[in-house]
Amino acid sequence: MSDDWYGSRAKIGLVYIASSWVAEPEFYKAAPPGVTIHTTRVFLKDVTVKSLREVGRRAVEAAGLLAQAHMSVIILACTSGTFIRGIDYDREIAVRMTKAAAGIPCSTTSAAVLQAIQALGVRKIAVGTPYPDEISRLAGQFIESQGYVVTKLYGLGLTDDVAINNVTLNEVYQLARSVDSPDSEAVFLACTGLRSFGVIEALEKDLGKPVFSSNLATFWHALRLAGVGDKIAGFGRLLQA
């Protein structure tokens, strides 16, 4: 008998967009024994600055709900939900979530992305997103505000979250290839609604550099915050950092 199915090592709580479904299957695909994923959702009308401004406020309440199930860590799994208002707002939301969760460690995907960049030891990053231009630019500004260089930035122009979740792995692969540049040291694929786990290894092999995504960074960050240090093969360099 084993209690591994029930989070014997760590229970990761996700605050996720109601119309998204990509993160959970990706996380479960890579989760080591004893780690479970538990989600509550928040409403997002569309992928616009106006709508995204509501995500942080809703995430605070959602963190309080997840805390009742005694999570090990809680993550707001929506990259643009915090980066659109900058690093100070991102940190503020994490603090407010932690307070609502009675002290359970809380963080955000935007914070996870910055931690991932640091762990990979890179400075020059190519960024591909599914977002419209305005939000893509804010993603680039968020990364550059922390001293990194965005070598190239391109977005697919999508404002419907369901459409983002429906972007195929082949299309994600092509996005990463198109945004890569000779001077970039890594490629980052933004948005937790964008599929990625199934192409990361192929992209790293073909591009010869680290490739990571919002979901990959979120999952890695959550594991480390929960005290799980396993190095997981099959999903690129970050999960082995």
C-alpha atoms as a PDB file:
ATOM      1  CA  MET A   1       0.000   0.000   0.000  1.00  0.00           C
ATOM      2  CA  SER A   2       1.164   3.521  -0.760  1.00  0.00           C
ATOM      3  CA  ASP A   3      -0.114   6.996  -0.018  1.00  0.00           C
ATOM      4  CA  ASP A   4       1.785   8.496  -2.949  1.00  0.00           C
ATOM      5  CA  TRP A   5      -1.454   9.010  -4.878  1.00  0.00           C
ATOM      6  CA  TYR A   6      -2.612  11.426  -2.200  1.00  0.00           C
ATOM      7  CA  GLY A   7       0.228  13.914  -1.963  1.00  0.00           C
ATOM      8  CA  SER A   8       2.390  12.210   0.636  1.00  0.00           C
ATOM      9  CA  ARG A   9       5.331  14.447  -0.317  1.00  0.00           C
ATOM     10  CA  ALA A  10       3.647  17.619  -1.548  1.00  0.00           C
ATOM     11  CA  LYS A  11       0.258  18.976  -2.572  1.00  0.00           C
ATOM     12  CA  ILE A  12       0.592  21.746  -5.161  1.00  0.00           C
ATOM     13  CA  GLY A  13      -2.325  24.159  -5.283  1.00  0.00           C
ATOM     14  CA  LEU A  14      -2.981  25.976  -8.556  1.00  0.00           C
ATOM     15  CA  VAL A  15      -5.089  29.082  -8.995  1.00  0.00           C
ATOM     16  CA  TYR A  16      -5.879  28.744 -12.686  1.00  0.00           C
ATOM     17  CA  ILE A  17      -7.981  30.487 -15.307  1.00  0.00           C
ATOM     18  CA  ALA A  18     -11.470  28.967 -15.598  1.00  0.00           C
ATOM     19  CA  SER A  19     -11.254  28.504 -19.360  1.00  0.00           C
ATOM     20  CA  SER A  20      -7.804  26.876 -19.335  1.00  0.00           C
ATOM     21  CA  TRP A  21      -7.017  23.171 -19.143  1.00  0.00           C
ATOM     22  CA  VAL A  22      -3.403  22.706 -20.309  1.00  0.00           C
ATOM     23  CA  ALA A  23      -1.474  23.011 -17.027  1.00  0.00           C
ATOM     24  CA  GLU A  24      -2.956  20.087 -15.087  1.00  0.00           C
ATOM     25  CA  PRO A  25      -2.186  17.316 -17.614  1.00  0.00           C
ATOM     26  CA  GLU A  26       1.305  18.710 -18.132  1.00  0.00           C
ATOM     27  CA  PHE A  27       1.997  18.836 -14.404  1.00  0.00           C
ATOM     28  CA  TYR A  28       0.708  15.321 -13.832  1.00  0.00           C
ATOM     29  CA  LYS A  29       2.816  14.049 -16.730  1.00  0.00           C
ATOM     30  CA  ALA A  30       5.981  15.241 -14.993  1.00  0.00           C
ATOM     31  CA  ALA A  31       5.031  14.920 -11.296  1.00  0.00           C
ATOM     32  CA  PRO A  32       7.280  12.605  -9.260  1.00  0.00           C
ATOM     33  CA  PRO A  33       5.707  10.030  -6.937  1.00  0.00           C
ATOM     34  CA  GLY A  34       4.028  11.568  -3.916  1.00  0.00           C
ATOM     35  CA  VAL A  35       3.273  14.936  -5.575  1.00  0.00           C
ATOM     36  CA  THR A  36      -0.319  15.842  -6.428  1.00  0.00           C
ATOM     37  CA  ILE A  37      -1.926  18.815  -8.174  1.00  0.00           C
ATOM     38  CA  HIS A  38      -5.101  20.542  -6.942  1.00  0.00           C
ATOM     39  CA  THR A  39      -6.797  23.381  -8.791  1.00  0.00           C
ATOM     40  CA  THR A  40      -9.313  26.095  -8.180  1.00  0.00           C
ATOM     41  CA  ARG A  41     -10.301  28.490 -10.934  1.00  0.00           C
ATOM     42  CA  VAL A  42     -10.840  32.202 -11.454  1.00  0.00           C
ATOM     43  CA  PHE A  43     -12.853  33.917 -14.171  1.00  0.00           C
ATOM     44  CA  LEU A  44     -11.188  35.685 -17.107  1.00  0.00           C
ATOM     45  CA  LYS A  45     -13.422  37.273 -19.738  1.00  0.00           C
ATOM     46  CA  ASP A  46     -10.697  37.652 -22.362  1.00  0.00           C
ATOM     47  CA  VAL A  47      -6.958  38.134 -22.678  1.00  0.00           C
ATOM     48  CA  THR A  48      -6.923  41.930 -22.470  1.00  0.00           C
ATOM     49  CA  VAL A  49      -5.280  44.288 -20.007  1.00  0.00           C
ATOM     50  CA  LYS A  50      -8.674  45.313 -18.614  1.00  0.00           C
ATOM     51  CA  SER A  51      -9.749  41.749 -17.864  1.00  0.00           C
ATOM     52  CA  LEU A  52      -6.347  40.605 -16.611  1.00  0.00           C
ATOM     53  CA  ARG A  53      -6.336  43.340 -13.973  1.00  0.00           C
ATOM     54  CA  GLU A  54      -9.061  41.385 -12.132  1.00  0.00           C
ATOM     55  CA  VAL A  55      -7.117  38.118 -11.915  1.00  0.00           C
ATOM     56  CA  GLY A  56      -4.899  39.077  -8.983  1.00  0.00           C
ATOM     57  CA  ARG A  57      -7.818  40.136  -6.804  1.00  0.00           C
ATOM     58  CA  ARG A  58      -9.671  36.904  -7.522  1.00  0.00           C
ATOM     59  CA  ALA A  59      -6.535  34.851  -6.890  1.00  0.00           C
ATOM     60  CA  VAL A  60      -6.334  36.066  -3.298  1.00  0.00           C
ATOM     61  CA  GLU A  61      -9.780  34.667  -2.505  1.00  0.00           C
ATOM     62  CA  ALA A  62      -8.983  31.449  -4.383  1.00  0.00           C
ATOM     63  CA  ALA A  63      -5.821  30.928  -2.331  1.00  0.00           C
ATOM     64  CA  GLY A  64      -7.935  30.983   0.810  1.00  0.00           C
ATOM     65  CA  LEU A  65     -10.110  28.217  -0.601  1.00  0.00           C
ATOM     66  CA  LEU A  66      -7.163  25.992  -1.520  1.00  0.00           C
ATOM     67  CA  ALA A  67      -5.643  26.526   1.912  1.00  0.00           C
ATOM     68  CA  GLN A  68      -8.566  24.658   3.459  1.00  0.00           C
ATOM     69  CA  ALA A  69      -7.203  21.488   1.839  1.00  0.00           C
ATOM     70  CA  HIS A  70      -3.780  22.063   3.464  1.00  0.00           C
ATOM     71  CA  MET A  71      -1.722  22.617   0.332  1.00  0.00           C
ATOM     72  CA  SER A  72       2.081  22.581   0.564  1.00  0.00           C
ATOM     73  CA  VAL A  73       2.321  25.564  -1.780  1.00  0.00           C
ATOM     74  CA  ILE A  74      -0.124  27.653  -3.834  1.00  0.00           C
ATOM     75  CA  ILE A  75       0.719  29.253  -7.181  1.00  0.00           C
ATOM     76  CA  LEU A  76      -1.223  31.748  -9.274  1.00  0.00           C
ATOM     77  CA  ALA A  77      -0.785  30.017 -12.631  1.00  0.00           C
ATOM     78  CA  CYS A  78      -1.461  32.973 -14.905  1.00  0.00           C
ATOM     79  CA  THR A  79       1.628  34.735 -16.220  1.00  0.00           C
ATOM     80  CA  SER A  80      -0.017  37.867 -17.569  1.00  0.00           C
ATOM     81  CA  GLY A  81      -2.279  38.164 -14.536  1.00  0.00           C
ATOM     82  CA  THR A  82       0.531  39.867 -12.641  1.00  0.00           C
ATOM     83  CA  PHE A  83       3.269  40.955 -15.069  1.00  0.00           C
ATOM     84  CA  ILE A  84       0.926  43.477 -16.707  1.00  0.00           C
ATOM     85  CA  ARG A  85       1.290  45.656 -13.600  1.00  0.00           C
ATOM     86  CA  GLY A  86       4.977  45.098 -12.905  1.00  0.00           C
ATOM     87  CA  ILE A  87       7.210  43.412 -10.342  1.00  0.00           C
ATOM     88  CA  ASP A  88       5.896  45.257  -7.289  1.00  0.00           C
ATOM     89  CA  TYR A  89       2.330  44.201  -8.040  1.00  0.00           C
ATOM     90  CA  ASP A  90       3.445  40.617  -8.650  1.00  0.00           C
ATOM     91  CA  ARG A  91       5.096  40.520  -5.228  1.00  0.00           C
ATOM     92  CA  GLU A  92       2.102  42.195  -3.591  1.00  0.00           C
ATOM     93  CA  ILE A  93      -0.267  39.518  -4.925  1.00  0.00           C
ATOM     94  CA  ALA A  94       1.979  36.744  -3.583  1.00  0.00           C
ATOM     95  CA  VAL A  95       2.011  38.381  -0.147  1.00  0.00           C
ATOM     96  CA  ARG A  96      -1.769  38.838  -0.139  1.00  0.00           C
ATOM     97  CA  MET A  97      -2.304  35.237  -1.238  1.00  0.00           C
ATOM     98  CA  THR A  98      -0.013  33.969   1.531  1.00  0.00           C
ATOM     99  CA  LYS A  99      -1.960  35.973   4.092  1.00  0.00           C
ATOM    100  CA  ALA A 100      -5.279  34.633   2.765  1.00  0.00           C
ATOM    101  CA  ALA A 101      -3.826  31.100   2.865  1.00  0.00           C
ATOM    102  CA  ALA A 102      -2.899  31.417   6.545  1.00  0.00           C
ATOM    103  CA  GLY A 103       0.828  31.331   5.865  1.00  0.00           C
ATOM    104  CA  ILE A 104       1.026  28.596   3.238  1.00  0.00           C
ATOM    105  CA  PRO A 105       3.790  29.678   0.808  1.00  0.00           C
ATOM    106  CA  CYS A 106       2.267  31.353  -2.241  1.00  0.00           C
ATOM    107  CA  SER A 107       3.817  32.602  -5.447  1.00  0.00           C
ATOM    108  CA  THR A 108       3.039  33.402  -9.077  1.00  0.00           C
ATOM    109  CA  THR A 109       4.030  32.218 -12.507  1.00  0.00           C
ATOM    110  CA  SER A 110       5.697  35.565 -13.202  1.00  0.00           C
ATOM    111  CA  ALA A 111       7.914  35.069 -10.149  1.00  0.00           C
ATOM    112  CA  ALA A 112       8.590  31.500 -11.269  1.00  0.00           C
ATOM    113  CA  VAL A 113       9.764  32.731 -14.671  1.00  0.00           C
ATOM    114  CA  LEU A 114      12.310  35.060 -13.086  1.00  0.00           C
ATOM    115  CA  GLN A 115      13.532  32.284 -10.799  1.00  0.00           C
ATOM    116  CA  ALA A 116      13.866  29.971 -13.803  1.00  0.00           C
ATOM    117  CA  ILE A 117      15.950  32.500 -15.734  1.00  0.00           C
ATOM    118  CA  GLN A 118      18.262  32.806 -12.753  1.00  0.00           C
ATOM    119  CA  ALA A 119      18.524  29.031 -12.341  1.00  0.00           C
ATOM    120  CA  LEU A 120      19.406  28.584 -16.018  1.00  0.00           C
ATOM    121  CA  GLY A 121      22.120  31.235 -15.747  1.00  0.00           C
ATOM    122  CA  VAL A 122      21.074  33.137 -18.869  1.00  0.00           C
ATOM    123  CA  ARG A 123      20.662  36.841 -19.589  1.00  0.00           C
ATOM    124  CA  LYS A 124      19.576  37.161 -23.226  1.00  0.00           C
ATOM    125  CA  ILE A 125      16.136  35.648 -23.852  1.00  0.00           C
ATOM    126  CA  ALA A 126      13.907  35.245 -26.898  1.00  0.00           C
ATOM    127  CA  VAL A 127      10.225  35.399 -25.946  1.00  0.00           C
ATOM    128  CA  GLY A 128       7.293  33.821 -27.769  1.00  0.00           C
ATOM    129  CA  THR A 129       3.711  34.378 -26.583  1.00  0.00           C
ATOM    130  CA  PRO A 130       0.152  33.675 -27.713  1.00  0.00           C
ATOM    131  CA  TYR A 131      -0.843  37.215 -26.691  1.00  0.00           C
ATOM    132  CA  PRO A 132      -1.844  40.315 -28.638  1.00  0.00           C
ATOM    133  CA  ASP A 133       0.900  42.911 -29.153  1.00  0.00           C
ATOM    134  CA  GLU A 134       0.076  45.070 -26.113  1.00  0.00           C
ATOM    135  CA  ILE A 135       0.356  42.195 -23.661  1.00  0.00           C
ATOM    136  CA  SER A 136       3.397  40.714 -25.419  1.00  0.00           C
ATOM    137  CA  ARG A 137       5.172  44.048 -24.998  1.00  0.00           C
ATOM    138  CA  LEU A 138       4.330  44.065 -21.287  1.00  0.00           C
ATOM    139  CA  ALA A 139       5.802  40.560 -20.974  1.00  0.00           C
ATOM    140  CA  GLY A 140       9.033  41.774 -22.523  1.00  0.00           C
ATOM    141  CA  GLN A 141       9.102  44.861 -20.306  1.00  0.00           C
ATOM    142  CA  PHE A 142       8.590  42.744 -17.187  1.00  0.00           C
ATOM    143  CA  ILE A 143      11.600  40.571 -18.007  1.00  0.00           C
ATOM    144  CA  GLU A 144      13.794  43.514 -18.988  1.00  0.00           C
ATOM    145  CA  SER A 145      12.850  45.389 -15.803  1.00  0.00           C
ATOM    146  CA  GLN A 146      14.862  42.783 -13.910  1.00  0.00           C
ATOM    147  CA  GLY A 147      18.047  43.372 -15.878  1.00  0.00           C
ATOM    148  CA  TYR A 148      17.629  40.791 -18.634  1.00  0.00           C
ATOM    149  CA  VAL A 149      17.689  41.400 -22.381  1.00  0.00           C
ATOM    150  CA  VAL A 150      14.830  40.340 -24.648  1.00  0.00           C
ATOM    151  CA  THR A 151      16.505  39.612 -27.978  1.00  0.00           C
ATOM    152  CA  LYS A 152      13.298  38.995 -29.913  1.00  0.00           C
ATOM    153  CA  LEU A 153       9.595  39.124 -29.040  1.00  0.00           C
ATOM    154  CA  TYR A 154       6.653  37.769 -30.990  1.00  0.00           C
ATOM    155  CA  GLY A 155       3.013  37.059 -30.125  1.00  0.00           C
ATOM    156  CA  LEU A 156       0.344  35.071 -31.946  1.00  0.00           C
ATOM    157  CA  GLY A 157      -2.235  37.813 -31.382  1.00  0.00           C
ATOM    158  CA  LEU A 158      -4.819  35.680 -29.554  1.00  0.00           C
ATOM    159  CA  THR A 159      -7.273  37.239 -27.101  1.00  0.00           C
ATOM    160  CA  ASP A 160      -9.487  34.174 -26.541  1.00  0.00           C
ATOM    161  CA  ASP A 161      -8.172  31.883 -23.813  1.00  0.00           C
ATOM    162  CA  VAL A 162      -9.780  28.755 -25.260  1.00  0.00           C
ATOM    163  CA  ALA A 163      -8.038  29.475 -28.564  1.00  0.00           C
ATOM    164  CA  ILE A 164      -4.730  29.747 -26.698  1.00  0.00           C
ATOM    165  CA  ASN A 165      -5.267  26.357 -25.055  1.00  0.00           C
ATOM    166  CA  ASN A 166      -6.061  24.887 -28.478  1.00  0.00           C
ATOM    167  CA  VAL A 167      -2.737  25.942 -30.041  1.00  0.00           C
ATOM    168  CA  THR A 168      -1.151  22.641 -31.071  1.00  0.00           C
ATOM    169  CA  LEU A 169       2.267  21.387 -30.034  1.00  0.00           C
ATOM    170  CA  ASN A 170       3.426  21.703 -33.635  1.00  0.00           C
ATOM    171  CA  GLU A 171       2.368  25.354 -33.657  1.00  0.00           C
ATOM    172  CA  VAL A 172       4.164  25.930 -30.342  1.00  0.00           C
ATOM    173  CA  TYR A 173       7.279  24.316 -31.794  1.00  0.00           C
ATOM    174  CA  GLN A 174       7.115  26.628 -34.814  1.00  0.00           C
ATOM    175  CA  LEU A 175       6.578  29.656 -32.547  1.00  0.00           C
ATOM    176  CA  ALA A 176       9.733  28.841 -30.608  1.00  0.00           C
ATOM    177  CA  ARG A 177      11.746  28.301 -33.779  1.00  0.00           C
ATOM    178  CA  SER A 178      10.520  31.579 -35.273  1.00  0.00           C
ATOM    179  CA  VAL A 179      11.299  33.669 -32.191  1.00  0.00           C
ATOM    180  CA  ASP A 180      14.767  32.249 -31.591  1.00  0.00           C
ATOM    181  CA  SER A 181      17.678  34.470 -32.530  1.00  0.00           C
ATOM    182  CA  PRO A 182      21.436  33.803 -32.811  1.00  0.00           C
ATOM    183  CA  ASP A 183      22.203  36.055 -29.843  1.00  0.00           C
ATOM    184  CA  SER A 184      19.618  34.568 -27.482  1.00  0.00           C
ATOM    185  CA  GLU A 185      20.828  32.277 -24.706  1.00  0.00           C
ATOM    186  CA  ALA A 186      17.394  30.771 -24.032  1.00  0.00           C
ATOM    187  CA  VAL A 187      13.864  30.731 -25.416  1.00  0.00           C
ATOM    188  CA  PHE A 188      10.868  31.423 -23.190  1.00  0.00           C
ATOM    189  CA  LEU A 189       7.297  30.476 -24.155  1.00  0.00           C
ATOM    190  CA  ALA A 190       4.864  32.576 -22.128  1.00  0.00           C
ATOM    191  CA  CYS A 191       1.330  31.735 -20.895  1.00  0.00           C
ATOM    192  CA  THR A 192       0.093  28.844 -18.766  1.00  0.00           C
ATOM    193  CA  GLY A 193      -2.561  28.104 -21.389  1.00  0.00           C
ATOM    194  CA  LEU A 194       0.110  27.317 -23.991  1.00  0.00           C
ATOM    195  CA  ARG A 195       1.135  23.685 -24.432  1.00  0.00           C
ATOM    196  CA  SER A 196       4.845  23.015 -24.111  1.00  0.00           C
ATOM    197  CA  PHE A 197       5.941  19.942 -22.137  1.00  0.00           C
ATOM    198  CA  GLY A 198       5.681  17.746 -25.243  1.00  0.00           C
ATOM    199  CA  VAL A 199       8.113  19.810 -27.334  1.00  0.00           C
ATOM    200  CA  ILE A 200      10.680  21.167 -24.856  1.00  0.00           C
ATOM    201  CA  GLU A 201      13.231  18.370 -25.321  1.00  0.00           C
ATOM    202  CA  ALA A 202      12.979  18.510 -29.130  1.00  0.00           C
ATOM    203  CA  LEU A 203      13.357  22.282 -29.118  1.00  0.00           C
ATOM    204  CA  GLU A 204      16.412  22.203 -26.852  1.00  0.00           C
ATOM    205  CA  LYS A 205      18.019  19.608 -29.118  1.00  0.00           C
ATOM    206  CA  ASP A 206      17.222  21.540 -32.303  1.00  0.00           C
ATOM    207  CA  LEU A 207      18.086  25.015 -30.985  1.00  0.00           C
ATOM    208  CA  GLY A 208      21.046  24.021 -28.831  1.00  0.00           C
ATOM    209  CA  LYS A 209      19.963  26.146 -25.857  1.00  0.00           C
ATOM    210  CA  PRO A 210      17.577  26.031 -22.881  1.00  0.00           C
ATOM    211  CA  VAL A 211      13.881  26.327 -23.699  1.00  0.00           C
ATOM    212  CA  PHE A 212      11.336  26.851 -20.953  1.00  0.00           C
ATOM    213  CA  SER A 213       7.707  27.837 -20.657  1.00  0.00           C
ATOM    214  CA  SER A 214       5.361  29.394 -18.138  1.00  0.00           C
ATOM    215  CA  ASN A 215       4.067  25.964 -17.156  1.00  0.00           C
ATOM    216  CA  LEU A 216       7.534  24.466 -16.899  1.00  0.00           C
ATOM    217  CA  ALA A 217       8.719  27.346 -14.716  1.00  0.00           C
ATOM    218  CA  THR A 218       5.577  27.204 -12.575  1.00  0.00           C
ATOM    219  CA  PHE A 219       5.880  23.471 -11.979  1.00  0.00           C
ATOM    220  CA  TRP A 220       9.610  23.642 -11.190  1.00  0.00           C
ATOM    221  CA  HIS A 221       9.112  26.621  -8.862  1.00  0.00           C
ATOM    222  CA  ALA A 222       6.221  24.938  -7.038  1.00  0.00           C
ATOM    223  CA  LEU A 223       8.245  21.768  -6.471  1.00  0.00           C
ATOM    224  CA  ARG A 224      11.180  23.685  -5.064  1.00  0.00           C
ATOM    225  CA  LEU A 225       8.974  25.828  -2.788  1.00  0.00           C
ATOM    226  CA  ALA A 226       7.375  22.625  -1.516  1.00  0.00           C
ATOM    227  CA  GLY A 227      10.774  21.157  -0.704  1.00  0.00           C
ATOM    228  CA  VAL A 228      10.808  18.625  -3.543  1.00  0.00           C
ATOM    229  CA  GLY A 229      14.228  18.698  -5.154  1.00  0.00           C
ATOM    230  CA  ASP A 230      13.873  15.815  -7.626  1.00  0.00           C
ATOM    231  CA  LYS A 231      15.648  16.254 -10.952  1.00  0.00           C
ATOM    232  CA  ILE A 232      13.128  15.152 -13.566  1.00  0.00           C
ATOM    233  CA  ALA A 233      14.303  13.943 -16.973  1.00  0.00           C
ATOM    234  CA  GLY A 234      12.415  14.258 -20.231  1.00  0.00           C
ATOM    235  CA  PHE A 235      11.262  17.872 -20.045  1.00  0.00           C
ATOM    236  CA  GLY A 236      14.354  19.947 -20.678  1.00  0.00           C
ATOM    237  CA  ARG A 237      17.112  21.470 -18.598  1.00  0.00           C
ATOM    238  CA  LEU A 238      15.025  23.434 -16.119  1.00  0.00           C
ATOM    239  CA  LEU A 239      13.473  20.411 -14.398  1.00  0.00           C
ATOM    240  CA  GLN A 240      16.966  19.059 -13.881  1.00  0.00           C
ATOM    241  CA  ALA A 241      18.240  22.289 -12.296  1.00  0.00           C
END
